[in-house]
Amino acid sequence: MLDLTGKKALVTGIANNRSIAWGIAQQLHQAGAELGVTYLPDEKGRYERKVRELVNPLNPSVFLPCDVQNDSQIESTFETIAQEWGKLDILIHSLAFASKEDLSGEFSATSREGFTQAMEISTYSLTRLARAAKPLMSEGGSIVTLTYLGGERVIPNYNVMGVAKAGLQMSVRYLAAELGSHKIRVNAISAGPIRTLASSAVDGILDMIRHVEEVAPLQRTVTQQEVGNSAAFLCSDLAGGITGQVLYVDAGYEIMGM
């Protein structure tokens, strides 16, 4: 039985009720984990209010601002976790961003600024958060990030995000190799296309979803709950021997040639 009772789980990347991170948070809560949630701070506090209202039914005991482009906020987040919880068992990394203009047109036209920002938020942030989490996972732990097939194959209008996801997947492997001796497992879930705030920036996302529904062996795309269930599994003792892997939760689309 999948049981996360007594586990402390920090979930990043919840923006609204369509976020994959929201689906994961719900399943972790259902499995008994105690939740901590971060949100992206903004001057008017809109994200804080929206995310706080959404996650309130899950009773998170830690609710913190964390902009992963700000080292001081990352340090403050994990200092608070150390004070409130004393440990961390689970870290969910569900963060990605690229400007809309860098997600269409010719890949070679990607701006230096856009490339740097996409890599910093979508790729480097996993390494930075893992470094901060490591001292709190003294009894071992599980880190799970979200990737996509566009990090392995060319997907129209994915462009710089595909490069960022490729880097993310290699980061998973290097982190798994480094942290394994500390009993910390690091894995990625490659989810099929789901209509989220982030995916809405990709031109043709609805066409992508329809294509998956036509081609995937299960003849559909996946749901937030299915991705959440898979994340909860990877965070549980049932997945104790799994690290450095990419788990495809995409209705089987990844295996198809045509």
C-alpha atoms as a PDB file:
ATOM      1  CA  MET A   1       0.000   0.000   0.000  1.00  0.00           C
ATOM      2  CA  LEU A   2       1.270   3.456  -0.885  1.00  0.00           C
ATOM      3  CA  ASP A   3       1.655   5.238   2.437  1.00  0.00           C
ATOM      4  CA  LEU A   4       3.446   8.573   2.938  1.00  0.00           C
ATOM      5  CA  THR A   5       2.281   9.117   6.508  1.00  0.00           C
ATOM      6  CA  GLY A   6       4.883  11.061   8.465  1.00  0.00           C
ATOM      7  CA  LYS A   7       6.655  12.284   5.343  1.00  0.00           C
ATOM      8  CA  LYS A   8       7.357  15.991   4.864  1.00  0.00           C
ATOM      9  CA  ALA A   9       6.891  17.073   1.254  1.00  0.00           C
ATOM     10  CA  LEU A  10       7.726  20.414  -0.348  1.00  0.00           C
ATOM     11  CA  VAL A  11       5.855  21.124  -3.586  1.00  0.00           C
ATOM     12  CA  THR A  12       6.957  23.880  -5.933  1.00  0.00           C
ATOM     13  CA  GLY A  13       5.272  25.121  -9.086  1.00  0.00           C
ATOM     14  CA  ILE A  14       1.586  25.344  -8.202  1.00  0.00           C
ATOM     15  CA  ALA A  15       0.075  28.228 -10.168  1.00  0.00           C
ATOM     16  CA  ASN A  16      -3.590  27.260 -10.450  1.00  0.00           C
ATOM     17  CA  ASN A  17      -5.908  24.247 -10.445  1.00  0.00           C
ATOM     18  CA  ARG A  18      -4.594  23.104 -13.832  1.00  0.00           C
ATOM     19  CA  SER A  19      -0.980  22.864 -12.665  1.00  0.00           C
ATOM     20  CA  ILE A  20       0.579  19.417 -12.714  1.00  0.00           C
ATOM     21  CA  ALA A  21       2.085  20.335  -9.334  1.00  0.00           C
ATOM     22  CA  TRP A  22      -1.451  20.760  -8.005  1.00  0.00           C
ATOM     23  CA  GLY A  23      -2.326  17.222  -9.082  1.00  0.00           C
ATOM     24  CA  ILE A  24       0.818  15.941  -7.380  1.00  0.00           C
ATOM     25  CA  ALA A  25       0.118  17.871  -4.171  1.00  0.00           C
ATOM     26  CA  GLN A  26      -3.365  16.361  -3.968  1.00  0.00           C
ATOM     27  CA  GLN A  27      -2.080  12.804  -4.322  1.00  0.00           C
ATOM     28  CA  LEU A  28       0.733  13.320  -1.811  1.00  0.00           C
ATOM     29  CA  HIS A  29      -1.810  14.681   0.661  1.00  0.00           C
ATOM     30  CA  GLN A  30      -4.142  11.757   0.026  1.00  0.00           C
ATOM     31  CA  ALA A  31      -1.270   9.356   0.731  1.00  0.00           C
ATOM     32  CA  GLY A  32      -0.717  11.006   4.116  1.00  0.00           C
ATOM     33  CA  ALA A  33       2.217  13.369   3.517  1.00  0.00           C
ATOM     34  CA  GLU A  34       2.443  16.691   5.337  1.00  0.00           C
ATOM     35  CA  LEU A  35       2.734  19.423   2.736  1.00  0.00           C
ATOM     36  CA  GLY A  36       4.773  22.547   2.298  1.00  0.00           C
ATOM     37  CA  VAL A  37       3.996  24.769  -0.688  1.00  0.00           C
ATOM     38  CA  THR A  38       5.948  27.555  -2.348  1.00  0.00           C
ATOM     39  CA  TYR A  39       4.580  30.244  -4.618  1.00  0.00           C
ATOM     40  CA  LEU A  40       6.114  32.813  -6.937  1.00  0.00           C
ATOM     41  CA  PRO A  41       5.953  36.191  -5.177  1.00  0.00           C
ATOM     42  CA  ASP A  42       4.801  39.283  -7.046  1.00  0.00           C
ATOM     43  CA  GLU A  43       4.367  42.906  -5.986  1.00  0.00           C
ATOM     44  CA  LYS A  44       0.574  42.778  -5.796  1.00  0.00           C
ATOM     45  CA  GLY A  45       0.435  39.397  -4.055  1.00  0.00           C
ATOM     46  CA  ARG A  46      -1.871  37.897  -6.670  1.00  0.00           C
ATOM     47  CA  TYR A  47      -0.058  34.577  -6.895  1.00  0.00           C
ATOM     48  CA  GLU A  48       0.057  34.224  -3.131  1.00  0.00           C
ATOM     49  CA  ARG A  49      -3.681  34.766  -2.765  1.00  0.00           C
ATOM     50  CA  LYS A  50      -4.556  32.443  -5.634  1.00  0.00           C
ATOM     51  CA  VAL A  51      -2.287  29.600  -4.521  1.00  0.00           C
ATOM     52  CA  ARG A  52      -3.174  29.976  -0.834  1.00  0.00           C
ATOM     53  CA  GLU A  53      -6.891  29.707  -1.592  1.00  0.00           C
ATOM     54  CA  LEU A  54      -6.324  26.680  -3.828  1.00  0.00           C
ATOM     55  CA  VAL A  55      -4.153  24.656  -1.433  1.00  0.00           C
ATOM     56  CA  ASN A  56      -6.028  25.574   1.747  1.00  0.00           C
ATOM     57  CA  PRO A  57      -8.044  22.292   1.744  1.00  0.00           C
ATOM     58  CA  LEU A  58      -4.748  20.369   1.845  1.00  0.00           C
ATOM     59  CA  ASN A  59      -3.728  22.148   5.072  1.00  0.00           C
ATOM     60  CA  PRO A  60      -0.094  22.878   4.191  1.00  0.00           C
ATOM     61  CA  SER A  61       1.899  23.517   7.347  1.00  0.00           C
ATOM     62  CA  VAL A  62       4.480  25.556   5.433  1.00  0.00           C
ATOM     63  CA  PHE A  63       3.539  28.178   2.822  1.00  0.00           C
ATOM     64  CA  LEU A  64       6.401  30.273   1.534  1.00  0.00           C
ATOM     65  CA  PRO A  65       7.443  32.628  -1.275  1.00  0.00           C
ATOM     66  CA  CYS A  66      10.276  31.265  -3.383  1.00  0.00           C
ATOM     67  CA  ASP A  67      11.589  32.770  -6.582  1.00  0.00           C
ATOM     68  CA  VAL A  68      14.222  30.300  -7.790  1.00  0.00           C
ATOM     69  CA  GLN A  69      16.107  33.128  -9.479  1.00  0.00           C
ATOM     70  CA  ASN A  70      16.733  34.575  -6.016  1.00  0.00           C
ATOM     71  CA  ASP A  71      19.280  32.673  -3.894  1.00  0.00           C
ATOM     72  CA  SER A  72      18.307  34.482  -0.713  1.00  0.00           C
ATOM     73  CA  GLN A  73      14.686  33.345  -1.096  1.00  0.00           C
ATOM     74  CA  ILE A  74      15.796  29.764  -1.674  1.00  0.00           C
ATOM     75  CA  GLU A  75      17.964  29.882   1.434  1.00  0.00           C
ATOM     76  CA  SER A  76      15.146  31.450   3.459  1.00  0.00           C
ATOM     77  CA  THR A  77      12.716  28.761   2.287  1.00  0.00           C
ATOM     78  CA  PHE A  78      14.899  25.911   3.449  1.00  0.00           C
ATOM     79  CA  GLU A  79      15.855  27.657   6.668  1.00  0.00           C
ATOM     80  CA  THR A  80      12.159  27.887   7.499  1.00  0.00           C
ATOM     81  CA  ILE A  81      11.658  24.221   6.640  1.00  0.00           C
ATOM     82  CA  ALA A  82      14.546  23.326   8.935  1.00  0.00           C
ATOM     83  CA  GLN A  83      12.963  25.352  11.747  1.00  0.00           C
ATOM     84  CA  GLU A  84       9.402  24.112  11.211  1.00  0.00           C
ATOM     85  CA  TRP A  85      10.015  20.493  10.264  1.00  0.00           C
ATOM     86  CA  GLY A  86      13.630  19.692  11.092  1.00  0.00           C
ATOM     87  CA  LYS A  87      13.823  17.459   8.019  1.00  0.00           C
ATOM     88  CA  LEU A  88      12.578  17.038   4.456  1.00  0.00           C
ATOM     89  CA  ASP A  89      11.595  13.755   2.839  1.00  0.00           C
ATOM     90  CA  ILE A  90      10.177  14.799  -0.529  1.00  0.00           C
ATOM     91  CA  LEU A  91      10.908  17.614  -2.969  1.00  0.00           C
ATOM     92  CA  ILE A  92       8.692  18.157  -6.006  1.00  0.00           C
ATOM     93  CA  HIS A  93      10.278  20.345  -8.674  1.00  0.00           C
ATOM     94  CA  SER A  94       7.631  21.460 -11.164  1.00  0.00           C
ATOM     95  CA  LEU A  95       9.147  24.664 -12.486  1.00  0.00           C
ATOM     96  CA  ALA A  96       9.660  25.770 -16.077  1.00  0.00           C
ATOM     97  CA  PHE A  97       9.535  29.004 -18.016  1.00  0.00           C
ATOM     98  CA  ALA A  98      10.469  30.358 -21.419  1.00  0.00           C
ATOM     99  CA  SER A  99       9.264  33.549 -23.035  1.00  0.00           C
ATOM    100  CA  LYS A 100       6.566  33.014 -25.652  1.00  0.00           C
ATOM    101  CA  GLU A 101       8.700  34.527 -28.412  1.00  0.00           C
ATOM    102  CA  ASP A 102      11.347  31.876 -27.768  1.00  0.00           C
ATOM    103  CA  LEU A 103       8.797  29.076 -28.105  1.00  0.00           C
ATOM    104  CA  SER A 104       7.988  29.733 -31.739  1.00  0.00           C
ATOM    105  CA  GLY A 105       9.740  30.615 -34.969  1.00  0.00           C
ATOM    106  CA  GLU A 106      13.285  29.575 -35.736  1.00  0.00           C
ATOM    107  CA  PHE A 107      15.241  28.016 -32.893  1.00  0.00           C
ATOM    108  CA  SER A 108      18.404  29.787 -34.037  1.00  0.00           C
ATOM    109  CA  ALA A 109      16.644  33.090 -33.340  1.00  0.00           C
ATOM    110  CA  THR A 110      16.508  32.337 -29.607  1.00  0.00           C
ATOM    111  CA  SER A 111      17.786  35.369 -27.721  1.00  0.00           C
ATOM    112  CA  ARG A 112      20.717  35.117 -25.336  1.00  0.00           C
ATOM    113  CA  GLU A 113      18.528  36.485 -22.557  1.00  0.00           C
ATOM    114  CA  GLY A 114      15.710  34.067 -23.339  1.00  0.00           C
ATOM    115  CA  PHE A 115      18.036  31.055 -23.457  1.00  0.00           C
ATOM    116  CA  THR A 116      19.652  32.010 -20.151  1.00  0.00           C
ATOM    117  CA  GLN A 117      16.331  32.578 -18.415  1.00  0.00           C
ATOM    118  CA  ALA A 118      14.834  29.301 -19.647  1.00  0.00           C
ATOM    119  CA  MET A 119      17.873  27.336 -18.485  1.00  0.00           C
ATOM    120  CA  GLU A 120      18.042  29.083 -15.120  1.00  0.00           C
ATOM    121  CA  ILE A 121      14.401  28.567 -14.198  1.00  0.00           C
ATOM    122  CA  SER A 122      13.672  25.262 -15.938  1.00  0.00           C
ATOM    123  CA  THR A 123      16.984  23.438 -15.490  1.00  0.00           C
ATOM    124  CA  TYR A 124      19.402  24.953 -13.006  1.00  0.00           C
ATOM    125  CA  SER A 125      16.708  25.440 -10.360  1.00  0.00           C
ATOM    126  CA  LEU A 126      16.537  21.665  -9.816  1.00  0.00           C
ATOM    127  CA  THR A 127      20.227  21.543  -8.949  1.00  0.00           C
ATOM    128  CA  ARG A 128      19.968  24.603  -6.735  1.00  0.00           C
ATOM    129  CA  LEU A 129      16.960  23.275  -4.821  1.00  0.00           C
ATOM    130  CA  ALA A 130      18.544  19.833  -4.476  1.00  0.00           C
ATOM    131  CA  ARG A 131      21.630  21.430  -2.945  1.00  0.00           C
ATOM    132  CA  ALA A 132      19.479  23.241  -0.404  1.00  0.00           C
ATOM    133  CA  ALA A 133      17.403  20.139   0.335  1.00  0.00           C
ATOM    134  CA  LYS A 134      20.325  17.740   0.793  1.00  0.00           C
ATOM    135  CA  PRO A 135      21.190  18.654   4.428  1.00  0.00           C
ATOM    136  CA  LEU A 136      17.532  18.227   5.414  1.00  0.00           C
ATOM    137  CA  MET A 137      17.331  14.766   3.837  1.00  0.00           C
ATOM    138  CA  SER A 138      19.712  13.253   6.366  1.00  0.00           C
ATOM    139  CA  GLU A 139      17.574  10.098   6.555  1.00  0.00           C
ATOM    140  CA  GLY A 140      17.229   9.864   2.784  1.00  0.00           C
ATOM    141  CA  GLY A 141      14.562  11.271   0.527  1.00  0.00           C
ATOM    142  CA  SER A 142      13.025  11.538  -2.901  1.00  0.00           C
ATOM    143  CA  ILE A 143      13.301  14.354  -5.436  1.00  0.00           C
ATOM    144  CA  VAL A 144      10.957  14.316  -8.435  1.00  0.00           C
ATOM    145  CA  THR A 145      10.959  16.743 -11.347  1.00  0.00           C
ATOM    146  CA  LEU A 146       8.736  17.124 -14.417  1.00  0.00           C
ATOM    147  CA  THR A 147      10.031  16.817 -17.954  1.00  0.00           C
ATOM    148  CA  TYR A 148       8.577  16.263 -21.420  1.00  0.00           C
ATOM    149  CA  LEU A 149       9.347  14.308 -24.579  1.00  0.00           C
ATOM    150  CA  GLY A 150      10.451  17.561 -26.230  1.00  0.00           C
ATOM    151  CA  GLY A 151      13.702  17.175 -24.297  1.00  0.00           C
ATOM    152  CA  GLU A 152      14.526  14.097 -26.400  1.00  0.00           C
ATOM    153  CA  ARG A 153      12.816  14.705 -29.729  1.00  0.00           C
ATOM    154  CA  VAL A 154      12.000  17.773 -31.772  1.00  0.00           C
ATOM    155  CA  ILE A 155       8.517  19.038 -30.958  1.00  0.00           C
ATOM    156  CA  PRO A 156       7.134  21.970 -32.990  1.00  0.00           C
ATOM    157  CA  ASN A 157       7.064  25.249 -31.064  1.00  0.00           C
ATOM    158  CA  TYR A 158       8.938  23.791 -28.077  1.00  0.00           C
ATOM    159  CA  ASN A 159      12.332  25.163 -29.127  1.00  0.00           C
ATOM    160  CA  VAL A 160      14.432  26.419 -26.205  1.00  0.00           C
ATOM    161  CA  MET A 161      12.312  24.537 -23.685  1.00  0.00           C
ATOM    162  CA  GLY A 162      13.349  21.293 -25.361  1.00  0.00           C
ATOM    163  CA  VAL A 163      16.980  22.153 -24.727  1.00  0.00           C
ATOM    164  CA  ALA A 164      16.140  23.073 -21.133  1.00  0.00           C
ATOM    165  CA  LYS A 165      14.346  19.758 -20.584  1.00  0.00           C
ATOM    166  CA  ALA A 166      17.282  17.846 -22.067  1.00  0.00           C
ATOM    167  CA  GLY A 167      19.532  19.570 -19.547  1.00  0.00           C
ATOM    168  CA  LEU A 168      17.030  18.824 -16.790  1.00  0.00           C
ATOM    169  CA  GLN A 169      17.067  15.117 -17.569  1.00  0.00           C
ATOM    170  CA  MET A 170      20.864  14.969 -17.462  1.00  0.00           C
ATOM    171  CA  SER A 171      20.749  16.922 -14.207  1.00  0.00           C
ATOM    172  CA  VAL A 172      18.527  14.166 -12.802  1.00  0.00           C
ATOM    173  CA  ARG A 173      21.163  11.576 -13.666  1.00  0.00           C
ATOM    174  CA  TYR A 174      24.101  13.523 -12.254  1.00  0.00           C
ATOM    175  CA  LEU A 175      22.188  14.369  -9.077  1.00  0.00           C
ATOM    176  CA  ALA A 176      21.094  10.746  -8.676  1.00  0.00           C
ATOM    177  CA  ALA A 177      24.715   9.617  -8.963  1.00  0.00           C
ATOM    178  CA  GLU A 178      25.861  12.189  -6.417  1.00  0.00           C
ATOM    179  CA  LEU A 179      23.079  11.830  -3.872  1.00  0.00           C
ATOM    180  CA  GLY A 180      22.606   8.072  -3.984  1.00  0.00           C
ATOM    181  CA  SER A 181      25.138   7.514  -1.215  1.00  0.00           C
ATOM    182  CA  HIS A 182      22.983   9.770   0.961  1.00  0.00           C
ATOM    183  CA  LYS A 183      19.921   7.575   0.248  1.00  0.00           C
ATOM    184  CA  ILE A 184      18.371  10.386  -1.770  1.00  0.00           C
ATOM    185  CA  ARG A 185      16.673   9.278  -4.975  1.00  0.00           C
ATOM    186  CA  VAL A 186      16.200  11.632  -7.948  1.00  0.00           C
ATOM    187  CA  ASN A 187      13.784  10.885 -10.779  1.00  0.00           C
ATOM    188  CA  ALA A 188      11.784  12.628 -13.486  1.00  0.00           C
ATOM    189  CA  ILE A 189       8.286  12.134 -14.831  1.00  0.00           C
ATOM    190  CA  SER A 190       7.803  12.761 -18.536  1.00  0.00           C
ATOM    191  CA  ALA A 191       4.120  13.607 -18.690  1.00  0.00           C
ATOM    192  CA  GLY A 192       2.027  13.679 -21.816  1.00  0.00           C
ATOM    193  CA  PRO A 193       0.679  17.084 -22.883  1.00  0.00           C
ATOM    194  CA  ILE A 194      -1.803  18.536 -20.409  1.00  0.00           C
ATOM    195  CA  ARG A 195      -3.437  21.917 -20.821  1.00  0.00           C
ATOM    196  CA  THR A 196      -1.837  24.053 -18.100  1.00  0.00           C
ATOM    197  CA  LEU A 197      -0.873  27.700 -17.696  1.00  0.00           C
ATOM    198  CA  ALA A 198       2.669  26.847 -18.800  1.00  0.00           C
ATOM    199  CA  SER A 199       1.649  24.710 -21.777  1.00  0.00           C
ATOM    200  CA  SER A 200      -0.740  27.396 -23.009  1.00  0.00           C
ATOM    201  CA  ALA A 201       2.349  29.371 -24.080  1.00  0.00           C
ATOM    202  CA  VAL A 202       3.158  26.628 -26.612  1.00  0.00           C
ATOM    203  CA  ASP A 203       1.493  27.340 -29.952  1.00  0.00           C
ATOM    204  CA  GLY A 204      -0.624  24.407 -31.091  1.00  0.00           C
ATOM    205  CA  ILE A 205      -0.928  22.750 -27.661  1.00  0.00           C
ATOM    206  CA  LEU A 206      -4.492  21.629 -28.435  1.00  0.00           C
ATOM    207  CA  ASP A 207      -3.314  20.077 -31.693  1.00  0.00           C
ATOM    208  CA  MET A 208      -0.585  18.271 -29.746  1.00  0.00           C
ATOM    209  CA  ILE A 209      -3.148  16.879 -27.327  1.00  0.00           C
ATOM    210  CA  ARG A 210      -5.418  15.712 -30.156  1.00  0.00           C
ATOM    211  CA  HIS A 211      -2.455  14.044 -31.874  1.00  0.00           C
ATOM    212  CA  VAL A 212      -1.575  12.133 -28.715  1.00  0.00           C
ATOM    213  CA  GLU A 213      -5.191  11.029 -28.367  1.00  0.00           C
ATOM    214  CA  GLU A 214      -5.049   9.627 -31.911  1.00  0.00           C
ATOM    215  CA  VAL A 215      -1.616   7.976 -31.755  1.00  0.00           C
ATOM    216  CA  ALA A 216      -1.001   6.869 -28.146  1.00  0.00           C
ATOM    217  CA  PRO A 217      -1.753   3.212 -27.389  1.00  0.00           C
ATOM    218  CA  LEU A 218      -4.342   4.238 -24.785  1.00  0.00           C
ATOM    219  CA  GLN A 219      -5.888   6.642 -27.339  1.00  0.00           C
ATOM    220  CA  ARG A 220      -6.003   9.513 -24.879  1.00  0.00           C
ATOM    221  CA  THR A 221      -3.743  11.856 -23.029  1.00  0.00           C
ATOM    222  CA  VAL A 222      -3.174  11.706 -19.277  1.00  0.00           C
ATOM    223  CA  THR A 223      -4.669  13.529 -16.317  1.00  0.00           C
ATOM    224  CA  GLN A 224      -3.195  15.501 -13.448  1.00  0.00           C
ATOM    225  CA  GLN A 225      -4.294  12.724 -11.103  1.00  0.00           C
ATOM    226  CA  GLU A 226      -2.402  10.079 -13.069  1.00  0.00           C
ATOM    227  CA  VAL A 227       0.774  12.143 -12.989  1.00  0.00           C
ATOM    228  CA  GLY A 228       0.171  12.795  -9.297  1.00  0.00           C
ATOM    229  CA  ASN A 229      -0.233   9.089  -8.587  1.00  0.00           C
ATOM    230  CA  SER A 230       3.035   8.345 -10.375  1.00  0.00           C
ATOM    231  CA  ALA A 231       4.838  11.057  -8.407  1.00  0.00           C
ATOM    232  CA  ALA A 232       3.465   9.711  -5.132  1.00  0.00           C
ATOM    233  CA  PHE A 233       4.726   6.257  -6.110  1.00  0.00           C
ATOM    234  CA  LEU A 234       8.219   7.576  -6.866  1.00  0.00           C
ATOM    235  CA  CYS A 235       8.233   9.339  -3.495  1.00  0.00           C
ATOM    236  CA  SER A 236       7.218   6.210  -1.602  1.00  0.00           C
ATOM    237  CA  ASP A 237       9.160   3.230  -0.310  1.00  0.00           C
ATOM    238  CA  LEU A 238       7.532   1.180  -3.087  1.00  0.00           C
ATOM    239  CA  ALA A 239      10.002   2.890  -5.462  1.00  0.00           C
ATOM    240  CA  GLY A 240      12.951   2.453  -3.120  1.00  0.00           C
ATOM    241  CA  GLY A 241      15.165   0.925  -5.815  1.00  0.00           C
ATOM    242  CA  ILE A 242      14.466   3.516  -8.506  1.00  0.00           C
ATOM    243  CA  THR A 243      16.722   6.517  -9.093  1.00  0.00           C
ATOM    244  CA  GLY A 244      18.105   8.473 -12.033  1.00  0.00           C
ATOM    245  CA  GLN A 245      15.175   7.458 -14.213  1.00  0.00           C
ATOM    246  CA  VAL A 246      12.635   9.141 -16.481  1.00  0.00           C
ATOM    247  CA  LEU A 247       9.177   7.611 -16.004  1.00  0.00           C
ATOM    248  CA  TYR A 248       6.919   8.167 -19.011  1.00  0.00           C
ATOM    249  CA  VAL A 249       3.353   8.922 -17.987  1.00  0.00           C
ATOM    250  CA  ASP A 250       1.994   9.696 -21.435  1.00  0.00           C
ATOM    251  CA  ALA A 251      -0.549   6.974 -22.301  1.00  0.00           C
ATOM    252  CA  GLY A 252       2.258   5.150 -24.127  1.00  0.00           C
ATOM    253  CA  TYR A 253       2.909   7.845 -26.725  1.00  0.00           C
ATOM    254  CA  GLU A 254       6.696   7.687 -26.197  1.00  0.00           C
ATOM    255  CA  ILE A 255       6.955   4.171 -27.656  1.00  0.00           C
ATOM    256  CA  MET A 256       5.341   5.009 -30.982  1.00  0.00           C
ATOM    257  CA  GLY A 257       7.311   5.577 -34.171  1.00  0.00           C
ATOM    258  CA  MET A 258       4.417   6.956 -36.190  1.00  0.00           C
END
